[in-house]
């Protein structure tokens, strides 16, 4: 039986970013250096396939430090942790490695610098997300006010409206964040923003690629985990750009083939914590159902690489 023709528009950049790649390597190198088990506080990155693969190699994933023994190394996830976490690890004389993405660490440093200058922080982010929790935990309680939407800006009560600065989670929707920043500036004209945009290059680039793909297609799939902020934002960006059928899938097995029956063009991208093997799996699944032509839609090229912590580069 002849397969129907379909063009698969492959967004680029897509998939792993430098921070995710570094975090995964940190876990692998820690297992190689110290042997299993290695403990990891929170999922190292938000992707079940990646986490399961590291678990099979000897990583034990926990949510809190008190679940870790004192005598085994522990790694802090790419999302970053509150200051109390490494302080407690040091008190217990634990060996620990911080896999926080350097671009998240940049936001932490920024928050501390503004705090040292007497400014109260407003953080644009998602309540409960590990990155937001970690960033807010860099400063004492009450020093960071969280807003998630433009409407939230009206309800915050800063200590001094003229002594404020704002920071953002690195994985937000660029367009949504612009609206929240506009609301902050309208209510607090003196508020200070970051020297360089907090939303990371990978989040921005993947959203721009989705915006380029969306007008070309009738459906768009984002490969990523339900708890991955940057992956969920890609679905929202695609819908806002005109592709109403935009769905998040973790694996090829989750694709609803009936929903895309008769479609001639499908967009495909992947969140920053989704590995290439899952992208290839989805492309192969499309080839099983359609006569596929792959067309690359590239809006940027990435060549960023972050250094591995020195403790892992030194001999055991």
Protein backbone atom coordinates (compact mmCIF):
# COMPACT_ATOMS: atom_id res chain seq x y z
CA UNK A 1 0.00 0.00 0.00
CA UNK A 2 1.36 3.42 -0.99
CA UNK A 3 2.16 5.67 1.95
CA UNK A 4 0.76 9.21 1.83
CA UNK A 5 3.36 11.96 1.24
CA UNK A 6 4.33 14.18 4.16
CA UNK A 7 6.91 16.90 4.65
CA UNK A 8 8.55 16.91 8.07
CA UNK A 9 9.84 20.38 8.88
CA UNK A 10 12.69 19.90 11.32
CA UNK A 11 13.31 22.95 13.52
CA UNK A 12 16.90 23.91 14.22
CA UNK A 13 18.20 24.45 16.83
CA UNK A 14 16.41 21.69 18.77
CA UNK A 15 17.25 19.20 21.51
CA UNK A 16 20.15 19.29 23.94
CA UNK A 17 21.63 22.61 25.00
CA UNK A 18 25.11 23.11 26.45
CA UNK A 19 23.87 23.21 30.06
CA UNK A 20 22.02 19.90 29.73
CA UNK A 21 24.93 18.24 27.92
CA UNK A 22 27.30 19.37 30.70
CA UNK A 23 24.98 18.15 33.49
CA UNK A 24 24.64 14.67 31.99
CA UNK A 25 28.42 14.43 31.49
CA UNK A 26 28.93 15.43 35.13
CA UNK A 27 26.83 12.47 36.31
CA UNK A 28 28.57 10.05 33.92
CA UNK A 29 32.03 11.28 34.92
CA UNK A 30 31.15 11.11 38.63
CA UNK A 31 30.10 7.46 38.26
CA UNK A 32 33.32 6.76 36.35
CA UNK A 33 35.47 8.51 39.00
CA UNK A 34 33.83 7.37 42.25
CA UNK A 35 31.86 4.31 41.17
CA UNK A 36 28.18 3.58 41.77
CA UNK A 37 26.03 4.61 43.45
CA UNK A 38 26.17 8.35 42.85
CA UNK A 39 23.28 10.35 44.30
CA UNK A 40 21.58 13.12 42.31
CA UNK A 41 19.33 15.63 44.04
CA UNK A 42 16.30 16.04 41.76
CA UNK A 43 16.22 14.82 38.14
CA UNK A 44 19.51 16.00 36.62
CA UNK A 45 17.47 17.29 33.65
CA UNK A 46 13.74 16.94 32.98
CA UNK A 47 13.70 13.92 30.67
CA UNK A 48 12.64 10.41 31.71
CA UNK A 49 14.71 8.68 29.00
CA UNK A 50 17.87 10.48 30.13
CA UNK A 51 17.17 9.89 33.83
CA UNK A 52 16.42 6.18 33.28
CA UNK A 53 19.65 5.82 31.30
CA UNK A 54 21.72 7.37 34.09
CA UNK A 55 19.89 5.31 36.71
CA UNK A 56 20.91 2.16 34.82
CA UNK A 57 24.55 3.30 35.04
CA UNK A 58 24.39 3.76 38.82
CA UNK A 59 22.78 7.12 39.56
CA UNK A 60 20.24 7.27 42.40
CA UNK A 61 17.77 10.15 42.09
CA UNK A 62 16.35 11.71 45.24
CA UNK A 63 14.37 14.84 45.98
CA UNK A 64 16.12 16.00 49.16
CA UNK A 65 19.60 15.83 50.61
CA UNK A 66 18.44 13.96 53.71
CA UNK A 67 17.77 10.96 51.44
CA UNK A 68 21.51 10.75 50.67
CA UNK A 69 24.12 8.95 52.79
CA UNK A 70 27.08 11.01 54.03
CA UNK A 71 29.67 8.74 52.43
CA UNK A 72 28.58 8.88 48.76
CA UNK A 73 28.97 11.79 46.33
CA UNK A 74 25.89 13.84 45.48
CA UNK A 75 25.24 15.99 42.41
CA UNK A 76 22.93 19.00 42.29
CA UNK A 77 20.76 19.19 39.18
CA UNK A 78 21.12 21.60 36.25
CA UNK A 79 18.21 23.67 37.58
CA UNK A 80 20.21 24.96 40.56
CA UNK A 81 19.60 24.74 44.30
CA UNK A 82 18.96 27.10 47.19
CA UNK A 83 22.05 28.13 49.20
CA UNK A 84 21.01 26.00 52.15
CA UNK A 85 21.57 22.80 50.12
CA UNK A 86 25.35 23.03 49.51
CA UNK A 87 25.71 24.52 53.00
CA UNK A 88 24.09 21.40 54.49
CA UNK A 89 26.22 19.12 52.27
CA UNK A 90 29.36 20.90 53.50
CA UNK A 91 28.20 20.60 57.12
CA UNK A 92 27.81 16.85 56.62
CA UNK A 93 31.28 16.75 54.96
CA UNK A 94 29.75 15.24 51.81
CA UNK A 95 31.49 15.20 48.46
CA UNK A 96 29.22 17.18 46.14
CA UNK A 97 29.33 18.48 42.58
CA UNK A 98 27.15 21.36 41.44
CA UNK A 99 25.78 20.73 37.93
CA UNK A 100 23.80 23.98 37.87
CA UNK A 101 23.72 25.39 34.33
CA UNK A 102 26.18 28.32 34.17
CA UNK A 103 23.41 30.51 32.73
CA UNK A 104 21.27 29.80 35.80
CA UNK A 105 24.29 30.53 38.01
CA UNK A 106 24.58 33.88 36.20
CA UNK A 107 21.06 34.75 37.40
CA UNK A 108 22.00 33.70 40.96
CA UNK A 109 25.03 36.01 40.90
CA UNK A 110 22.91 38.83 39.50
CA UNK A 111 20.36 38.44 42.32
CA UNK A 112 23.11 38.49 44.95
CA UNK A 113 24.71 41.60 43.43
CA UNK A 114 21.41 43.52 43.46
CA UNK A 115 20.73 42.35 47.03
CA UNK A 116 24.15 43.59 48.11
CA UNK A 117 23.22 46.98 46.63
CA UNK A 118 20.08 47.10 48.78
CA UNK A 119 17.56 46.20 46.07
CA UNK A 120 14.63 43.85 46.51
CA UNK A 121 14.19 41.34 43.67
CA UNK A 122 11.18 40.53 41.55
CA UNK A 123 11.50 37.12 39.90
CA UNK A 124 9.51 36.26 36.77
CA UNK A 125 9.09 32.50 36.91
CA UNK A 126 6.88 29.50 37.58
CA UNK A 127 6.06 28.79 41.22
CA UNK A 128 7.43 25.46 42.38
CA UNK A 129 9.74 24.91 39.41
CA UNK A 130 13.16 23.73 40.69
CA UNK A 131 14.96 26.60 38.97
CA UNK A 132 12.65 29.19 40.53
CA UNK A 133 12.97 27.57 43.96
CA UNK A 134 16.78 27.48 43.63
CA UNK A 135 17.05 31.09 42.45
CA UNK A 136 14.73 32.47 45.14
CA UNK A 137 16.74 30.46 47.66
CA UNK A 138 19.88 32.49 46.94
CA UNK A 139 18.52 35.35 49.06
CA UNK A 140 16.87 35.59 52.49
CA UNK A 141 13.11 35.04 52.77
CA UNK A 142 11.09 38.01 51.58
CA UNK A 143 13.86 39.41 49.38
CA UNK A 144 12.45 37.86 46.18
CA UNK A 145 8.87 38.52 45.06
CA UNK A 146 7.55 36.03 42.47
CA UNK A 147 5.33 36.99 39.53
CA UNK A 148 4.04 34.56 36.88
CA UNK A 149 1.75 36.78 34.80
CA UNK A 150 1.26 40.49 34.02
CA UNK A 151 -1.75 40.43 36.41
CA UNK A 152 0.50 39.31 39.28
CA UNK A 153 2.46 42.57 39.02
CA UNK A 154 -0.50 44.52 40.45
CA UNK A 155 -0.66 42.35 43.58
CA UNK A 156 2.95 42.49 44.84
CA UNK A 157 3.89 44.83 47.67
CA UNK A 158 7.58 45.71 47.56
CA UNK A 159 9.40 47.24 50.50
CA UNK A 160 10.38 50.30 48.41
CA UNK A 161 8.94 50.68 44.86
CA UNK A 162 11.99 52.72 43.86
CA UNK A 163 14.52 50.09 44.99
CA UNK A 164 13.71 47.07 42.82
CA UNK A 165 15.42 44.86 40.23
CA UNK A 166 14.01 41.92 38.26
CA UNK A 167 15.38 38.58 37.16
CA UNK A 168 13.76 35.75 35.22
CA UNK A 169 13.71 31.98 35.03
CA UNK A 170 15.88 30.99 32.04
CA UNK A 171 13.26 28.81 30.30
CA UNK A 172 10.28 31.16 29.92
CA UNK A 173 8.35 32.19 26.83
CA UNK A 174 10.21 35.20 25.42
CA UNK A 175 6.97 36.89 24.29
CA UNK A 176 5.14 36.31 27.58
CA UNK A 177 8.12 37.65 29.52
CA UNK A 178 8.15 40.85 27.45
CA UNK A 179 4.55 41.49 28.57
CA UNK A 180 5.39 40.91 32.25
CA UNK A 181 8.45 43.17 32.05
CA UNK A 182 6.28 45.88 30.44
CA UNK A 183 3.83 45.60 33.36
CA UNK A 184 6.70 45.84 35.87
CA UNK A 185 8.15 48.92 34.16
CA UNK A 186 4.72 50.57 33.99
CA UNK A 187 4.13 50.11 37.73
CA UNK A 188 7.74 50.53 38.88
CA UNK A 189 9.52 52.90 36.45
CA UNK A 190 12.78 52.74 38.44
CA UNK A 191 13.06 48.93 38.32
CA UNK A 192 16.44 47.66 37.12
CA UNK A 193 16.69 44.84 34.57
CA UNK A 194 19.51 42.41 33.83
CA UNK A 195 22.58 43.59 31.90
CA UNK A 196 21.97 40.71 29.51
CA UNK A 197 18.67 38.89 29.02
CA UNK A 198 18.16 36.14 31.62
CA UNK A 199 16.19 33.85 29.28
CA UNK A 200 18.93 31.60 27.96
CA UNK A 201 20.17 31.43 24.38
CA UNK A 202 18.86 27.86 23.94
CA UNK A 203 15.32 28.72 25.03
CA UNK A 204 15.28 31.79 22.77
CA UNK A 205 16.73 29.94 19.77
CA UNK A 206 14.32 27.01 20.03
CA UNK A 207 11.35 29.36 20.29
CA UNK A 208 12.50 31.36 17.25
CA UNK A 209 12.86 28.15 15.21
CA UNK A 210 9.33 27.08 16.19
CA UNK A 211 7.99 30.48 15.12
CA UNK A 212 9.62 29.94 11.70
CA UNK A 213 8.21 26.42 11.33
CA UNK A 214 4.65 26.98 12.62
CA UNK A 215 3.20 28.91 9.61
CA UNK A 216 4.38 26.13 7.26
CA UNK A 217 2.62 23.22 8.98
CA UNK A 218 -0.78 21.86 10.03
CA UNK A 219 0.61 20.12 13.11
CA UNK A 220 3.70 20.45 15.28
CA UNK A 221 5.19 18.00 17.76
CA UNK A 222 7.54 18.94 20.59
CA UNK A 223 9.59 16.07 22.01
CA UNK A 224 9.99 16.70 25.71
CA UNK A 225 8.83 15.86 29.22
CA UNK A 226 5.63 17.21 30.81
CA UNK A 227 7.71 18.74 33.64
CA UNK A 228 10.12 20.44 31.22
CA UNK A 229 9.39 24.18 31.28
CA UNK A 230 11.22 24.98 28.04
CA UNK A 231 9.45 22.12 26.20
CA UNK A 232 6.00 23.24 27.34
CA UNK A 233 6.79 26.79 26.26
CA UNK A 234 7.57 25.51 22.74
CA UNK A 235 4.04 24.09 22.47
CA UNK A 236 2.60 27.46 23.57
CA UNK A 237 4.82 29.37 21.13
CA UNK A 238 3.71 27.15 18.22
CA UNK A 239 0.03 27.66 19.05
CA UNK A 240 0.53 31.42 19.36
CA UNK A 241 2.30 31.40 15.96
CA UNK A 242 -0.76 29.86 14.31
CA UNK A 243 -0.26 26.10 14.55
CA UNK A 244 -3.28 25.15 16.62
CA UNK A 245 -2.46 21.42 16.73
CA UNK A 246 0.76 21.53 18.72
CA UNK A 247 1.44 18.68 21.10
CA UNK A 248 4.08 17.59 23.60
CA UNK A 249 5.18 13.95 23.29
CA UNK A 250 7.85 12.11 25.25
CA UNK A 251 8.33 9.25 22.79
CA UNK A 252 7.12 8.16 19.34
CA UNK A 253 4.68 5.81 21.09
CA UNK A 254 2.68 8.85 22.31
CA UNK A 255 1.95 10.25 18.83
CA UNK A 256 -1.77 10.29 17.98
CA UNK A 257 -1.61 9.19 14.35
CA UNK A 258 -5.37 9.57 13.84
CA UNK A 259 -5.13 13.27 14.74
CA UNK A 260 -2.64 13.92 11.93
CA UNK A 261 -4.33 11.76 9.29
CA UNK A 262 -4.52 13.69 6.01
CA UNK A 263 -1.94 16.27 7.15
CA UNK A 264 0.69 17.19 4.54
CA UNK A 265 3.16 19.13 6.69
CA UNK A 266 4.27 18.48 10.28
CA UNK A 267 6.77 20.47 12.33
CA UNK A 268 9.14 18.70 14.69
CA UNK A 269 11.29 20.11 17.46
CA UNK A 270 12.62 18.99 20.83
CA UNK A 271 13.09 20.67 24.19
CA UNK A 272 16.58 21.39 25.51
CA UNK A 273 16.63 18.22 27.64
CA UNK A 274 15.51 15.80 24.89
CA UNK A 275 18.30 13.68 23.35
CA UNK A 276 18.86 13.15 19.62
CA UNK A 277 17.97 9.45 19.89
CA UNK A 278 14.34 10.39 20.67
CA UNK A 279 14.21 12.79 17.71
CA UNK A 280 15.50 10.01 15.43
CA UNK A 281 12.92 7.62 16.90
CA UNK A 282 10.08 10.01 16.01
CA UNK A 283 11.40 10.58 12.48
CA UNK A 284 11.60 6.78 11.96
CA UNK A 285 8.02 6.44 13.21
CA UNK A 286 6.88 9.02 10.66
CA UNK A 287 8.68 7.09 7.92
CA UNK A 288 6.68 4.00 8.94
CA UNK A 289 3.42 5.88 8.36
CA UNK A 290 4.27 8.30 5.54
CA UNK A 291 6.45 8.84 2.51
CA UNK A 292 8.55 11.45 4.32
CA UNK A 293 10.51 14.37 2.96
CA UNK A 294 12.59 16.10 5.65
CA UNK A 295 13.12 19.84 5.34
CA UNK A 296 15.40 21.67 7.77
CA UNK A 297 14.25 25.08 9.05
CA UNK A 298 17.31 26.59 10.70
CA UNK A 299 17.19 30.00 12.38
CA UNK A 300 20.47 29.90 14.35
CA UNK A 301 23.59 27.80 14.93
CA UNK A 302 24.89 26.90 18.38
CA UNK A 303 28.48 26.13 19.31
CA UNK A 304 28.45 26.91 23.04
CA UNK A 305 30.20 24.49 25.40
CA UNK A 306 30.49 24.77 29.18
CA UNK A 307 33.44 23.54 31.24
CA UNK A 308 33.18 20.47 33.44
CA UNK A 309 33.96 21.19 37.16
CA UNK A 310 37.64 20.74 37.97
CA UNK A 311 36.99 18.08 40.64
CA UNK A 312 35.85 15.71 37.88
CA UNK A 313 38.78 16.51 35.60
CA UNK A 314 41.34 15.69 38.28
CA UNK A 315 42.59 12.11 38.87
CA UNK A 316 40.76 10.17 41.57
